[in-house]
Amino acid sequence: QVQLVESGGGLVQAGGSLRLSCAASGSIFSGSTIRWYRRAPGKQRGWVAGITSDSRTTYADDVQGRFTISRDNAKNTVYLQMNSLEPEDTAVYYCNRDFPPLDWGQGTQVTVSS
């Protein structure tokens, strides 16, 4: 069974940076659009950023200019570089393939203190 494994989260002060990684078994990312999502306390999971198979990127308005999504197909890994973090970015972060979607991983917790 294909698994998604998110990592790189942690506790950081406002203004700090983190880089998240999303790894998958097998070559399941090849040719696929991959997205990062997050679920903040008390809120539904929402889309954060996406990257197509040819590395075109899109971002939610509230992270545009602060977050950067990238991919390394050779490593079956997608990254999310998060800079200028704000307390509002506190959430569990997940990744997934656009189509067909995979079972959700455990996510990685990001906590930004003020």
Protein backbone atom coordinates (compact mmCIF):
# COMPACT_ATOMS: atom_id res chain seq x y z
CA GLN A 1 0.00 0.00 0.00
CA VAL A 2 1.32 3.40 -0.96
CA GLN A 3 2.10 5.64 1.97
CA LEU A 4 2.64 9.33 2.23
CA VAL A 5 5.03 10.48 4.91
CA GLU A 6 5.18 14.13 5.89
CA SER A 7 8.04 15.41 8.03
CA GLY A 8 9.92 18.53 9.01
CA GLY A 9 7.41 20.17 11.28
CA GLY A 10 8.21 21.63 14.65
CA LEU A 11 7.93 24.59 16.96
CA VAL A 12 9.24 27.89 15.65
CA GLN A 13 8.92 31.53 16.62
CA ALA A 14 7.02 33.96 14.45
CA GLY A 15 9.21 35.09 11.59
CA GLY A 16 11.08 31.81 11.48
CA SER A 17 11.31 29.16 8.79
CA LEU A 18 10.72 25.46 8.34
CA ARG A 19 11.03 23.10 5.42
CA LEU A 20 8.52 20.29 5.17
CA SER A 21 9.05 17.13 3.17
CA CYS A 22 6.51 14.80 1.63
CA ALA A 23 7.85 11.41 0.64
CA ALA A 24 6.07 8.52 -0.98
CA SER A 25 6.89 4.94 -1.66
CA GLY A 26 7.36 4.11 -5.31
CA SER A 27 7.21 6.48 -8.23
CA ILE A 28 3.69 7.62 -7.50
CA PHE A 29 4.52 11.29 -7.77
CA SER A 30 5.86 11.07 -11.27
CA GLY A 31 3.57 12.86 -13.71
CA SER A 32 1.22 14.01 -10.94
CA THR A 33 0.24 17.29 -9.39
CA ILE A 34 1.02 17.26 -5.68
CA ARG A 35 -0.54 19.60 -3.15
CA TRP A 36 0.15 20.60 0.42
CA TYR A 37 -2.81 21.09 2.74
CA ARG A 38 -3.16 22.10 6.36
CA ARG A 39 -5.69 21.74 9.13
CA ALA A 40 -5.60 24.35 11.84
CA PRO A 41 -7.20 23.69 15.23
CA GLY A 42 -10.96 23.79 14.92
CA LYS A 43 -10.90 24.24 11.15
CA GLN A 44 -11.28 22.06 8.10
CA ARG A 45 -8.33 20.97 6.04
CA GLY A 46 -7.50 23.54 3.40
CA TRP A 47 -5.24 23.77 0.39
CA VAL A 48 -1.92 25.58 0.77
CA ALA A 49 0.16 25.06 -2.37
CA GLY A 50 0.40 22.85 -5.43
CA ILE A 51 3.00 21.82 -7.98
CA THR A 52 2.38 20.22 -11.36
CA SER A 53 4.45 17.51 -12.97
CA ASP A 54 6.36 20.19 -14.90
CA SER A 55 6.87 22.23 -11.72
CA ARG A 56 4.33 24.96 -12.24
CA THR A 57 3.30 26.21 -8.81
CA THR A 58 0.22 27.78 -7.26
CA TYR A 59 -0.37 29.12 -3.77
CA ALA A 60 -3.19 30.08 -1.50
CA ASP A 61 -3.41 33.84 -1.06
CA ASP A 62 -2.40 33.78 2.59
CA VAL A 63 0.92 32.02 1.92
CA GLN A 64 1.82 33.60 -1.42
CA GLY A 65 5.28 35.13 -1.21
CA ARG A 66 6.15 33.31 2.01
CA PHE A 67 5.94 29.62 1.05
CA THR A 68 7.66 27.82 -1.81
CA ILE A 69 6.73 24.39 -3.06
CA SER A 70 9.23 22.30 -5.01
CA ARG A 71 9.76 18.71 -6.04
CA ASP A 72 12.53 16.21 -6.60
CA ASN A 73 11.11 13.45 -8.74
CA ALA A 74 14.24 11.36 -8.46
CA LYS A 75 13.66 11.22 -4.70
CA ASN A 76 9.85 10.97 -4.92
CA THR A 77 9.72 13.94 -2.59
CA VAL A 78 7.89 17.25 -2.55
CA TYR A 79 9.00 20.08 -0.30
CA LEU A 80 7.36 23.11 1.24
CA GLN A 81 9.73 25.86 2.29
CA MET A 82 7.93 28.11 4.75
CA ASN A 83 9.41 31.50 5.58
CA SER A 84 8.15 34.42 7.64
CA LEU A 85 5.95 32.07 9.59
CA GLU A 86 3.01 33.52 11.50
CA PRO A 87 1.01 32.12 14.41
CA GLU A 88 -1.87 31.68 11.96
CA ASP A 89 0.23 29.10 10.11
CA THR A 90 -0.04 26.75 13.09
CA ALA A 91 -1.60 23.55 11.78
CA VAL A 92 -1.01 19.96 10.85
CA TYR A 93 0.35 19.89 7.32
CA TYR A 94 -0.44 17.13 4.83
CA CYS A 95 0.41 16.37 1.24
CA ASN A 96 -1.48 14.41 -1.36
CA ARG A 97 -1.65 13.67 -5.04
CA ASP A 98 -4.34 15.38 -7.05
CA PHE A 99 -5.63 12.40 -8.98
CA PRO A 100 -6.23 9.85 -7.94
CA PRO A 101 -5.80 10.94 -4.33
CA LEU A 102 -4.03 8.66 -1.91
CA ASP A 103 -4.84 7.79 1.66
CA TRP A 104 -3.91 10.69 3.90
CA GLY A 105 -0.69 10.41 5.86
CA GLN A 106 -0.21 11.32 9.49
CA GLY A 107 0.78 14.86 8.68
CA THR A 108 3.41 16.94 10.41
CA GLN A 109 2.65 19.47 13.13
CA VAL A 110 3.79 23.04 12.68
CA THR A 111 3.46 25.34 15.65
CA VAL A 112 4.36 29.01 15.38
CA SER A 113 4.65 30.93 18.62
CA SER A 114 4.10 34.67 18.83
